Amino acid sequence: MTDICLPMPAAEEARAAFGNDFDPDGTLNGAIALAAAGDLAGPAVALMRAVFACPAADARLREAMIVRTAVRLNCIYAVRASTRIALNSGLSKAEVEALTADGPVTGIDPDIVLIACMADDIADRANLGEDLLEASIERWGADKTRKLILMLSWFNLVNRYESACRVPSDSDEKLARSSGPT
């Protein structure tokens, strides 16, 4: 294993991407790392904010997507951060354990089971099987399904970016008070 990693952006660079509401003590490293993407930083931060503000998924469903995607992609940074944030956002310990276990997610809220199956399919195959697409449309309708798929796709992109950049872990203190990336 190598110790090579991409440097985190300076606070000024992050502030340029996030705006005046940037909080270096509250913003997670995964989000801060987006600020180093140059001319892509602003659009990436805007999409991140839109994903986290999207009413298609409440905090529990969104965090279930994040946890399951991080586990499926083996993104060490995101697994550590997202499991803690999931508990802060209302998921139970049993739900987080189910989402982080090997094999299919079962035995918890059916909506979380469905979103976990969708997360698995998108992470593993970059696609969504007909059965899952049909179940999602039946459960949430076509418009919300599109939004959930875009959110799952965003979490795949971010996990891959964080892993490839080797984003450093956030402190336990920062994670303890966090309910999202900013």
Protein backbone atom coordinates (compact mmCIF):
# COMPACT_ATOMS: atom_id res chain seq x y z
CA MET A 1 0.00 0.00 0.00
CA THR A 2 1.25 3.45 -0.86
CA ASP A 3 1.13 6.65 1.15
CA ILE A 4 0.58 8.78 -1.95
CA CYS A 5 -2.56 10.90 -1.84
CA LEU A 6 -3.83 14.06 -3.45
CA PRO A 7 -3.53 17.09 -1.16
CA MET A 8 -6.68 18.57 0.30
CA PRO A 9 -7.52 22.08 -0.94
CA ALA A 10 -6.67 25.12 1.14
CA ALA A 11 -9.53 26.79 3.02
CA GLU A 12 -9.55 29.65 0.48
CA GLU A 13 -10.00 27.21 -2.40
CA ALA A 14 -12.83 25.45 -0.54
CA ARG A 15 -14.49 28.78 0.28
CA ALA A 16 -14.37 29.70 -3.43
CA ALA A 17 -16.26 26.48 -4.28
CA PHE A 18 -18.71 26.51 -1.35
CA GLY A 19 -19.26 30.23 -0.88
CA ASN A 20 -19.26 32.32 2.25
CA ASP A 21 -21.17 29.69 4.24
CA PHE A 22 -18.19 27.31 4.09
CA ASP A 23 -17.41 25.95 7.55
CA PRO A 24 -14.02 24.20 7.66
CA ASP A 25 -14.85 22.75 11.09
CA GLY A 26 -18.19 21.30 10.00
CA THR A 27 -17.72 20.37 6.34
CA LEU A 28 -16.57 16.80 5.85
CA ASN A 29 -13.32 16.06 4.03
CA GLY A 30 -15.14 14.24 1.23
CA ALA A 31 -17.04 17.42 0.39
CA ILE A 32 -13.98 19.64 0.87
CA ALA A 33 -12.06 17.43 -1.59
CA LEU A 34 -14.52 18.47 -4.31
CA ALA A 35 -13.19 22.03 -4.04
CA ALA A 36 -9.87 20.91 -5.51
CA ALA A 37 -11.52 19.94 -8.80
CA GLY A 38 -10.89 23.36 -10.38
CA ASP A 39 -13.58 24.47 -12.80
CA LEU A 40 -15.61 21.36 -11.93
CA ALA A 41 -15.74 22.25 -8.22
CA GLY A 42 -18.64 24.71 -8.41
CA PRO A 43 -20.95 22.43 -10.42
CA ALA A 44 -19.99 19.42 -8.25
CA VAL A 45 -20.78 21.32 -5.04
CA ALA A 46 -24.06 22.55 -6.56
CA LEU A 47 -25.08 18.99 -7.45
CA MET A 48 -24.07 17.76 -3.99
CA ARG A 49 -26.25 20.43 -2.39
CA ALA A 50 -29.15 19.56 -4.69
CA VAL A 51 -28.85 15.86 -3.85
CA PHE A 52 -28.87 16.54 -0.11
CA ALA A 53 -31.80 18.97 -0.42
CA CYS A 54 -33.88 16.71 -2.69
CA PRO A 55 -37.22 15.88 -1.06
CA ALA A 56 -37.40 12.55 -2.94
CA ALA A 57 -35.46 10.95 -0.08
CA ASP A 58 -35.71 11.80 3.59
CA ALA A 59 -32.52 11.71 5.67
CA ARG A 60 -32.92 8.03 6.58
CA LEU A 61 -33.40 6.85 2.99
CA ARG A 62 -30.59 9.10 1.73
CA GLU A 63 -28.17 7.85 4.38
CA ALA A 64 -29.14 4.24 3.61
CA MET A 65 -28.17 4.92 -0.02
CA ILE A 66 -24.85 6.41 1.05
CA VAL A 67 -23.95 3.63 3.48
CA ARG A 68 -24.85 0.81 1.10
CA THR A 69 -23.05 2.40 -1.85
CA ALA A 70 -19.92 3.02 0.26
CA VAL A 71 -19.92 -0.58 1.48
CA ARG A 72 -20.53 -1.99 -1.99
CA LEU A 73 -17.70 0.09 -3.48
CA ASN A 74 -15.42 -0.56 -0.50
CA CYS A 75 -14.79 3.16 0.00
CA ILE A 76 -13.09 3.14 3.40
CA TYR A 77 -13.47 6.90 3.93
CA ALA A 78 -17.18 6.87 3.12
CA VAL A 79 -17.99 3.71 5.09
CA ARG A 80 -16.51 5.24 8.24
CA ALA A 81 -18.20 8.62 7.77
CA SER A 82 -21.54 7.41 6.45
CA THR A 83 -22.18 4.78 9.12
CA ARG A 84 -21.72 7.42 11.82
CA ILE A 85 -23.84 9.99 9.99
CA ALA A 86 -26.55 7.38 9.36
CA LEU A 87 -26.94 6.88 13.10
CA ASN A 88 -27.01 10.67 13.58
CA SER A 89 -29.74 10.88 10.92
CA GLY A 90 -32.17 8.41 12.46
CA LEU A 91 -31.19 4.99 11.15
CA SER A 92 -31.11 2.37 13.87
CA LYS A 93 -28.05 0.33 14.75
CA ALA A 94 -29.83 -2.75 13.33
CA GLU A 95 -30.49 -0.93 10.03
CA VAL A 96 -26.85 0.19 9.75
CA GLU A 97 -25.68 -3.36 10.54
CA ALA A 98 -27.97 -4.75 7.83
CA LEU A 99 -26.69 -2.20 5.33
CA THR A 100 -23.05 -2.97 6.10
CA ALA A 101 -23.37 -6.77 6.15
CA ASP A 102 -22.24 -9.03 3.35
CA GLY A 103 -25.04 -10.36 1.19
CA PRO A 104 -28.49 -8.99 0.52
CA VAL A 105 -30.09 -6.51 2.92
CA THR A 106 -33.11 -8.06 4.64
CA GLY A 107 -35.21 -7.82 7.78
CA ILE A 108 -35.51 -4.03 8.02
CA ASP A 109 -37.76 -1.27 6.65
CA PRO A 110 -38.92 -2.42 3.17
CA ASP A 111 -38.09 0.98 1.65
CA ILE A 112 -34.52 0.70 2.90
CA VAL A 113 -34.29 -2.88 1.62
CA LEU A 114 -35.47 -1.73 -1.83
CA ILE A 115 -33.06 1.22 -1.96
CA ALA A 116 -30.20 -1.06 -0.83
CA CYS A 117 -30.99 -3.51 -3.64
CA MET A 118 -30.99 -0.61 -6.08
CA ALA A 119 -27.67 0.63 -4.65
CA ASP A 120 -26.18 -2.85 -5.09
CA ASP A 121 -27.31 -3.12 -8.70
CA ILE A 122 -26.04 0.32 -9.68
CA ALA A 123 -22.71 -0.15 -7.89
CA ASP A 124 -22.17 -3.68 -9.23
CA ARG A 125 -23.55 -3.40 -12.76
CA ALA A 126 -23.90 0.35 -13.44
CA ASN A 127 -27.49 -0.51 -14.25
CA LEU A 128 -30.79 -1.31 -12.61
CA GLY A 129 -32.53 -4.62 -13.24
CA GLU A 130 -36.06 -4.56 -14.61
CA ASP A 131 -37.46 -6.08 -11.40
CA LEU A 132 -35.93 -3.31 -9.27
CA LEU A 133 -36.95 -0.57 -11.68
CA GLU A 134 -40.50 -1.91 -11.71
CA ALA A 135 -40.59 -2.20 -7.89
CA SER A 136 -39.26 1.33 -7.49
CA ILE A 137 -41.79 2.80 -9.93
CA GLU A 138 -44.57 0.88 -8.18
CA ARG A 139 -43.41 2.10 -4.76
CA TRP A 140 -42.42 5.70 -5.53
CA GLY A 141 -43.59 6.57 -9.05
CA ALA A 142 -41.52 7.40 -12.12
CA ASP A 143 -40.47 10.94 -11.14
CA LYS A 144 -39.20 10.00 -7.68
CA THR A 145 -37.53 6.88 -9.09
CA ARG A 146 -35.54 9.04 -11.53
CA LYS A 147 -34.41 11.25 -8.66
CA LEU A 148 -33.43 8.27 -6.51
CA ILE A 149 -31.42 6.78 -9.40
CA LEU A 150 -29.63 10.10 -9.91
CA MET A 151 -28.88 10.29 -6.18
CA LEU A 152 -27.53 6.72 -6.17
CA SER A 153 -25.42 7.55 -9.22
CA TRP A 154 -24.05 10.65 -7.46
CA PHE A 155 -23.07 8.58 -4.43
CA ASN A 156 -21.26 6.14 -6.74
CA LEU A 157 -19.33 9.01 -8.32
CA VAL A 158 -18.43 10.60 -4.98
CA ASN A 159 -17.30 7.30 -3.44
CA ARG A 160 -15.05 6.61 -6.39
CA TYR A 161 -13.66 10.18 -6.26
CA GLU A 162 -12.99 10.00 -2.52
CA SER A 163 -11.28 6.62 -2.84
CA ALA A 164 -9.16 7.59 -5.83
CA CYS A 165 -8.07 10.87 -4.17
CA ARG A 166 -7.46 9.02 -0.90
CA VAL A 167 -9.43 11.54 1.12
CA PRO A 168 -8.29 11.52 4.76
CA SER A 169 -10.72 10.46 7.47
CA ASP A 170 -12.64 13.06 9.42
CA SER A 171 -12.14 13.30 13.16
CA ASP A 172 -14.48 11.41 15.45
CA GLU A 173 -15.54 14.76 16.89
CA LYS A 174 -16.54 16.14 13.48
CA LEU A 175 -18.46 12.96 12.62
CA ALA A 176 -20.23 12.92 16.00
CA ARG A 177 -21.95 16.23 15.23
CA SER A 178 -22.49 15.68 11.51
CA SER A 179 -25.71 14.86 9.72
CA GLY A 180 -24.38 15.48 6.21
CA PRO A 181 -21.40 16.66 4.19
CA THR A 182 -21.71 20.36 5.09
